[in-house]
Amino acid sequence: MNFYTCFDGQGKVIARCQTHQEIQSLKRMGRPIKEVREMKNEEAVICSLTGSPSDYNMDY
């Protein structure tokens, strides 16, 4: 399972997503996503243990 971190133009974390569809949805909602990075396995484990990556996204 892959997780992605989305950043704005200043390098600030905007959201953490599980699929490219979630990223595209956030872009359509107007979120200023400038960069998307796949999370390392050790970072992704935190998301899977704490719940859905969408838990970090206040817009869902």
Protein backbone atom coordinates (compact mmCIF):
# COMPACT_ATOMS: atom_id res chain seq x y z
CA MET A 1 0.00 0.00 0.00
CA ASN A 2 1.41 3.38 -1.00
CA PHE A 3 0.79 6.68 0.73
CA TYR A 4 1.57 10.14 -0.61
CA THR A 5 2.33 13.47 1.02
CA CYS A 6 1.13 16.61 -0.78
CA PHE A 7 2.99 19.91 -0.38
CA ASP A 8 2.17 23.52 -1.26
CA GLY A 9 4.54 26.01 -2.94
CA GLN A 10 6.35 26.76 0.32
CA GLY A 11 6.99 23.08 1.09
CA LYS A 12 4.30 22.89 3.77
CA VAL A 13 2.35 19.62 4.11
CA ILE A 14 -1.19 20.03 2.82
CA ALA A 15 -2.47 16.46 2.98
CA ARG A 16 -1.61 12.80 3.11
CA CYS A 17 -3.37 10.62 0.57
CA GLN A 18 -3.58 6.94 -0.26
CA THR A 19 -4.48 7.14 -3.95
CA HIS A 20 -3.85 9.41 -6.92
CA GLN A 21 -7.64 9.84 -7.15
CA GLU A 22 -7.64 11.48 -3.70
CA ILE A 23 -4.86 13.82 -4.85
CA GLN A 24 -6.80 14.76 -7.98
CA SER A 25 -9.93 15.33 -5.89
CA LEU A 26 -8.05 17.75 -3.62
CA LYS A 27 -6.72 19.61 -6.67
CA ARG A 28 -10.27 19.94 -8.06
CA MET A 29 -11.34 21.34 -4.69
CA GLY A 30 -8.74 24.08 -5.14
CA ARG A 31 -5.99 22.87 -2.81
CA PRO A 32 -2.67 24.40 -3.97
CA ILE A 33 -0.78 21.13 -4.39
CA LYS A 34 2.61 21.82 -5.99
CA GLU A 35 4.46 18.59 -5.17
CA VAL A 36 3.51 15.03 -4.31
CA ARG A 37 6.00 12.60 -2.76
CA GLU A 38 5.51 8.93 -2.08
CA MET A 39 6.02 8.25 1.61
CA LYS A 40 8.77 5.91 2.75
CA ASN A 41 7.62 2.59 4.18
CA GLU A 42 8.42 3.67 7.74
CA GLU A 43 6.36 6.85 7.30
CA ALA A 44 3.45 4.98 5.72
CA VAL A 45 3.28 2.58 8.68
CA ILE A 46 2.30 5.51 10.89
CA CYS A 47 -0.65 6.31 8.60
CA SER A 48 -1.84 2.72 8.56
CA LEU A 49 -1.60 2.47 12.35
CA THR A 50 -3.34 5.76 13.09
CA GLY A 51 -6.14 5.42 10.57
CA SER A 52 -6.87 6.52 7.05
CA PRO A 53 -4.62 9.14 5.43
CA SER A 54 -7.80 11.11 4.80
CA ASP A 55 -7.99 11.62 8.58
CA TYR A 56 -5.33 14.28 7.98
CA ASN A 57 -7.43 16.03 5.34
CA MET A 58 -9.93 18.41 6.85
CA ASP A 59 -11.78 18.70 3.50
CA TYR A 60 -13.01 15.09 3.41
